[in-house]
Amino acid sequence: MGDEPTNDGKRFDPLEPWRGVRDVYMDAWAKTMVEMVNTEAYAQATGTMLDTYLTVSTPFREAVEKAMLKALEQLAMPSRADFVSIAERMTNIEMKLDDLDAKVDAIHALLTKPGTEPRRAPRPTKKTAKVKQAKRGKK
């Protein structure tokens, strides 16, 4: 009986009126909350509560951080500061590698310009080889 369609082709749903009331109620609540949150008084009250919370929680947070650092040291585990230090070092290394890569690319571009022949180091003659060996202390 409840599965049979009504005159407009839809099945009868006994909860449909409640859904309509719920939707109207939720829309009214949403509008009211938006109006309340967008006021200066709400912003000041929220700011005051946040400042108070941060002021009160700071000593507890610092105590927990100190206890955690000591526990990590005793367990020979890295702390957040250790990870931050390593991340900074790795970033520095990456930047230097990028700079070196750019310089190598620039040198490669200069050496492979069209119309120019790559320069090669001159071959040492017997005379220059003996001079270099003498400077090194070899004979």
C-alpha atoms as a PDB file:
ATOM      1  CA  MET A   1       0.000   0.000   0.000  1.00  0.00           C
ATOM      2  CA  GLY A   2       2.828   2.414   0.902  1.00  0.00           C
ATOM      3  CA  ASP A   3       4.743   1.282  -2.181  1.00  0.00           C
ATOM      4  CA  GLU A   4       2.045   2.380  -4.610  1.00  0.00           C
ATOM      5  CA  PRO A   5       2.658   5.700  -6.397  1.00  0.00           C
ATOM      6  CA  THR A   6       0.371   8.649  -5.672  1.00  0.00           C
ATOM      7  CA  ASN A   7      -1.378  10.815  -8.266  1.00  0.00           C
ATOM      8  CA  ASP A   8       1.800  12.820  -9.059  1.00  0.00           C
ATOM      9  CA  GLY A   9       3.871   9.667  -9.682  1.00  0.00           C
ATOM     10  CA  LYS A  10       5.860   9.773  -6.403  1.00  0.00           C
ATOM     11  CA  ARG A  11       5.618   7.247  -3.612  1.00  0.00           C
ATOM     12  CA  PHE A  12       4.197   8.374  -0.294  1.00  0.00           C
ATOM     13  CA  ASP A  13       6.924   9.261   2.227  1.00  0.00           C
ATOM     14  CA  PRO A  14       5.688   9.838   5.794  1.00  0.00           C
ATOM     15  CA  LEU A  15       8.951  11.581   6.773  1.00  0.00           C
ATOM     16  CA  GLU A  16       8.884  14.152   3.966  1.00  0.00           C
ATOM     17  CA  PRO A  17       7.169  16.864   6.067  1.00  0.00           C
ATOM     18  CA  TRP A  18       9.811  16.418   8.774  1.00  0.00           C
ATOM     19  CA  ARG A  19      12.583  16.803   6.220  1.00  0.00           C
ATOM     20  CA  GLY A  20      11.007  20.041   5.036  1.00  0.00           C
ATOM     21  CA  VAL A  21      10.833  21.370   8.595  1.00  0.00           C
ATOM     22  CA  ARG A  22      14.438  20.316   9.174  1.00  0.00           C
ATOM     23  CA  ASP A  23      15.629  22.094   6.020  1.00  0.00           C
ATOM     24  CA  VAL A  24      13.815  25.314   6.937  1.00  0.00           C
ATOM     25  CA  TYR A  25      15.198  25.133  10.489  1.00  0.00           C
ATOM     26  CA  MET A  26      18.773  24.544   9.245  1.00  0.00           C
ATOM     27  CA  ASP A  27      18.531  27.438   6.782  1.00  0.00           C
ATOM     28  CA  ALA A  28      17.322  29.775   9.520  1.00  0.00           C
ATOM     29  CA  TRP A  29      20.138  28.645  11.854  1.00  0.00           C
ATOM     30  CA  ALA A  30      22.740  29.118   9.123  1.00  0.00           C
ATOM     31  CA  LYS A  31      21.570  32.665   8.379  1.00  0.00           C
ATOM     32  CA  THR A  32      21.504  33.543  12.076  1.00  0.00           C
ATOM     33  CA  MET A  33      25.001  32.155  12.661  1.00  0.00           C
ATOM     34  CA  VAL A  34      26.452  33.972   9.645  1.00  0.00           C
ATOM     35  CA  GLU A  35      24.996  37.248  10.880  1.00  0.00           C
ATOM     36  CA  MET A  36      26.339  36.646  14.398  1.00  0.00           C
ATOM     37  CA  VAL A  37      29.844  35.600  13.303  1.00  0.00           C
ATOM     38  CA  ASN A  38      30.233  38.610  11.012  1.00  0.00           C
ATOM     39  CA  THR A  39      29.958  41.127  13.873  1.00  0.00           C
ATOM     40  CA  GLU A  40      32.778  43.060  15.502  1.00  0.00           C
ATOM     41  CA  ALA A  41      31.672  41.964  18.978  1.00  0.00           C
ATOM     42  CA  TYR A  42      32.043  38.296  18.013  1.00  0.00           C
ATOM     43  CA  ALA A  43      35.526  38.929  16.590  1.00  0.00           C
ATOM     44  CA  GLN A  44      36.618  40.717  19.781  1.00  0.00           C
ATOM     45  CA  ALA A  45      35.180  37.995  22.028  1.00  0.00           C
ATOM     46  CA  THR A  46      36.857  35.254  20.006  1.00  0.00           C
ATOM     47  CA  GLY A  47      40.164  37.145  20.027  1.00  0.00           C
ATOM     48  CA  THR A  48      40.007  37.622  23.790  1.00  0.00           C
ATOM     49  CA  MET A  49      39.268  33.931  24.371  1.00  0.00           C
ATOM     50  CA  LEU A  50      42.104  32.886  22.071  1.00  0.00           C
ATOM     51  CA  ASP A  51      44.598  35.247  23.735  1.00  0.00           C
ATOM     52  CA  THR A  52      43.586  33.967  27.168  1.00  0.00           C
ATOM     53  CA  TYR A  53      43.899  30.354  26.068  1.00  0.00           C
ATOM     54  CA  LEU A  54      47.348  30.922  24.567  1.00  0.00           C
ATOM     55  CA  THR A  55      48.547  32.798  27.658  1.00  0.00           C
ATOM     56  CA  VAL A  56      47.324  30.087  30.024  1.00  0.00           C
ATOM     57  CA  SER A  57      48.510  27.147  27.911  1.00  0.00           C
ATOM     58  CA  THR A  58      52.043  28.444  27.198  1.00  0.00           C
ATOM     59  CA  PRO A  59      53.661  27.230  30.466  1.00  0.00           C
ATOM     60  CA  PHE A  60      52.058  23.792  30.087  1.00  0.00           C
ATOM     61  CA  ARG A  61      53.138  23.516  26.458  1.00  0.00           C
ATOM     62  CA  GLU A  62      56.720  24.494  27.345  1.00  0.00           C
ATOM     63  CA  ALA A  63      56.794  21.915  30.169  1.00  0.00           C
ATOM     64  CA  VAL A  64      55.567  19.200  27.809  1.00  0.00           C
ATOM     65  CA  GLU A  65      58.173  20.180  25.201  1.00  0.00           C
ATOM     66  CA  LYS A  66      60.994  20.011  27.767  1.00  0.00           C
ATOM     67  CA  ALA A  67      59.810  16.622  29.014  1.00  0.00           C
ATOM     68  CA  MET A  68      59.552  15.343  25.445  1.00  0.00           C
ATOM     69  CA  LEU A  69      63.078  16.563  24.616  1.00  0.00           C
ATOM     70  CA  LYS A  70      64.494  14.789  27.662  1.00  0.00           C
ATOM     71  CA  ALA A  71      62.617  11.593  26.808  1.00  0.00           C
ATOM     72  CA  LEU A  72      63.849  11.698  23.212  1.00  0.00           C
ATOM     73  CA  GLU A  73      67.425  12.294  24.365  1.00  0.00           C
ATOM     74  CA  GLN A  74      67.253   9.308  26.720  1.00  0.00           C
ATOM     75  CA  LEU A  75      65.870   7.140  23.912  1.00  0.00           C
ATOM     76  CA  ALA A  76      68.556   8.435  21.512  1.00  0.00           C
ATOM     77  CA  MET A  77      65.885   9.649  19.091  1.00  0.00           C
ATOM     78  CA  PRO A  78      65.949  12.861  17.048  1.00  0.00           C
ATOM     79  CA  SER A  79      63.865  15.817  18.140  1.00  0.00           C
ATOM     80  CA  ARG A  80      61.938  18.274  15.986  1.00  0.00           C
ATOM     81  CA  ALA A  81      64.875  20.674  16.147  1.00  0.00           C
ATOM     82  CA  ASP A  82      67.166  17.937  14.800  1.00  0.00           C
ATOM     83  CA  PHE A  83      64.842  17.338  11.857  1.00  0.00           C
ATOM     84  CA  VAL A  84      64.597  21.069  11.168  1.00  0.00           C
ATOM     85  CA  SER A  85      68.385  21.367  11.228  1.00  0.00           C
ATOM     86  CA  ILE A  86      68.785  18.467   8.799  1.00  0.00           C
ATOM     87  CA  ALA A  87      66.095  19.904   6.520  1.00  0.00           C
ATOM     88  CA  GLU A  88      67.881  23.263   6.447  1.00  0.00           C
ATOM     89  CA  ARG A  89      71.180  21.580   5.601  1.00  0.00           C
ATOM     90  CA  MET A  90      69.575  19.515   2.846  1.00  0.00           C
ATOM     91  CA  THR A  91      67.957  22.637   1.397  1.00  0.00           C
ATOM     92  CA  ASN A  92      71.337  24.366   1.405  1.00  0.00           C
ATOM     93  CA  ILE A  93      72.930  21.386  -0.360  1.00  0.00           C
ATOM     94  CA  GLU A  94      70.151  21.304  -2.948  1.00  0.00           C
ATOM     95  CA  MET A  95      70.602  25.011  -3.652  1.00  0.00           C
ATOM     96  CA  LYS A  96      74.341  24.571  -4.124  1.00  0.00           C
ATOM     97  CA  LEU A  97      73.784  21.603  -6.431  1.00  0.00           C
ATOM     98  CA  ASP A  98      71.323  23.650  -8.478  1.00  0.00           C
ATOM     99  CA  ASP A  99      73.895  26.438  -8.771  1.00  0.00           C
ATOM    100  CA  LEU A 100      76.569  23.952  -9.859  1.00  0.00           C
ATOM    101  CA  ASP A 101      74.168  22.413 -12.378  1.00  0.00           C
ATOM    102  CA  ALA A 102      73.437  25.836 -13.850  1.00  0.00           C
ATOM    103  CA  LYS A 103      77.169  26.599 -14.117  1.00  0.00           C
ATOM    104  CA  VAL A 104      77.892  23.250 -15.778  1.00  0.00           C
ATOM    105  CA  ASP A 105      75.042  23.882 -18.237  1.00  0.00           C
ATOM    106  CA  ALA A 106      76.471  27.331 -19.030  1.00  0.00           C
ATOM    107  CA  ILE A 107      79.948  25.872 -19.591  1.00  0.00           C
ATOM    108  CA  HIS A 108      78.502  23.103 -21.754  1.00  0.00           C
ATOM    109  CA  ALA A 109      76.590  25.667 -23.812  1.00  0.00           C
ATOM    110  CA  LEU A 110      79.752  27.709 -24.341  1.00  0.00           C
ATOM    111  CA  LEU A 111      81.746  24.659 -25.390  1.00  0.00           C
ATOM    112  CA  THR A 112      79.120  23.395 -27.801  1.00  0.00           C
ATOM    113  CA  LYS A 113      78.258  26.659 -29.563  1.00  0.00           C
ATOM    114  CA  PRO A 114      77.704  26.113 -33.273  1.00  0.00           C
ATOM    115  CA  GLY A 115      80.651  27.197 -35.362  1.00  0.00           C
ATOM    116  CA  THR A 116      83.197  26.813 -32.572  1.00  0.00           C
ATOM    117  CA  GLU A 117      85.346  23.840 -31.958  1.00  0.00           C
ATOM    118  CA  PRO A 118      85.661  22.597 -28.382  1.00  0.00           C
ATOM    119  CA  ARG A 119      88.941  23.593 -26.834  1.00  0.00           C
ATOM    120  CA  ARG A 120      91.206  20.875 -25.589  1.00  0.00           C
ATOM    121  CA  ALA A 121      94.100  21.137 -23.198  1.00  0.00           C
ATOM    122  CA  PRO A 122      97.436  21.207 -25.007  1.00  0.00           C
ATOM    123  CA  ARG A 123      99.444  17.990 -24.867  1.00  0.00           C
ATOM    124  CA  PRO A 124     102.468  18.268 -22.650  1.00  0.00           C
ATOM    125  CA  THR A 125     105.814  18.129 -24.407  1.00  0.00           C
ATOM    126  CA  LYS A 126     108.802  16.321 -22.945  1.00  0.00           C
ATOM    127  CA  LYS A 127     110.245  19.617 -21.769  1.00  0.00           C
ATOM    128  CA  THR A 128     107.067  20.727 -19.905  1.00  0.00           C
ATOM    129  CA  ALA A 129     106.648  17.239 -18.437  1.00  0.00           C
ATOM    130  CA  LYS A 130     110.182  17.353 -16.967  1.00  0.00           C
ATOM    131  CA  VAL A 131     109.539  20.812 -15.492  1.00  0.00           C
ATOM    132  CA  LYS A 132     106.335  19.612 -13.833  1.00  0.00           C
ATOM    133  CA  GLN A 133     108.050  16.522 -12.437  1.00  0.00           C
ATOM    134  CA  ALA A 134     110.884  18.657 -11.064  1.00  0.00           C
ATOM    135  CA  LYS A 135     108.394  20.882  -9.302  1.00  0.00           C
ATOM    136  CA  ARG A 136     106.827  17.826  -7.702  1.00  0.00           C
ATOM    137  CA  GLY A 137     110.199  16.533  -6.633  1.00  0.00           C
ATOM    138  CA  LYS A 138     110.372  13.618  -9.074  1.00  0.00           C
ATOM    139  CA  LYS A 139     113.107  12.928 -11.583  1.00  0.00           C
END
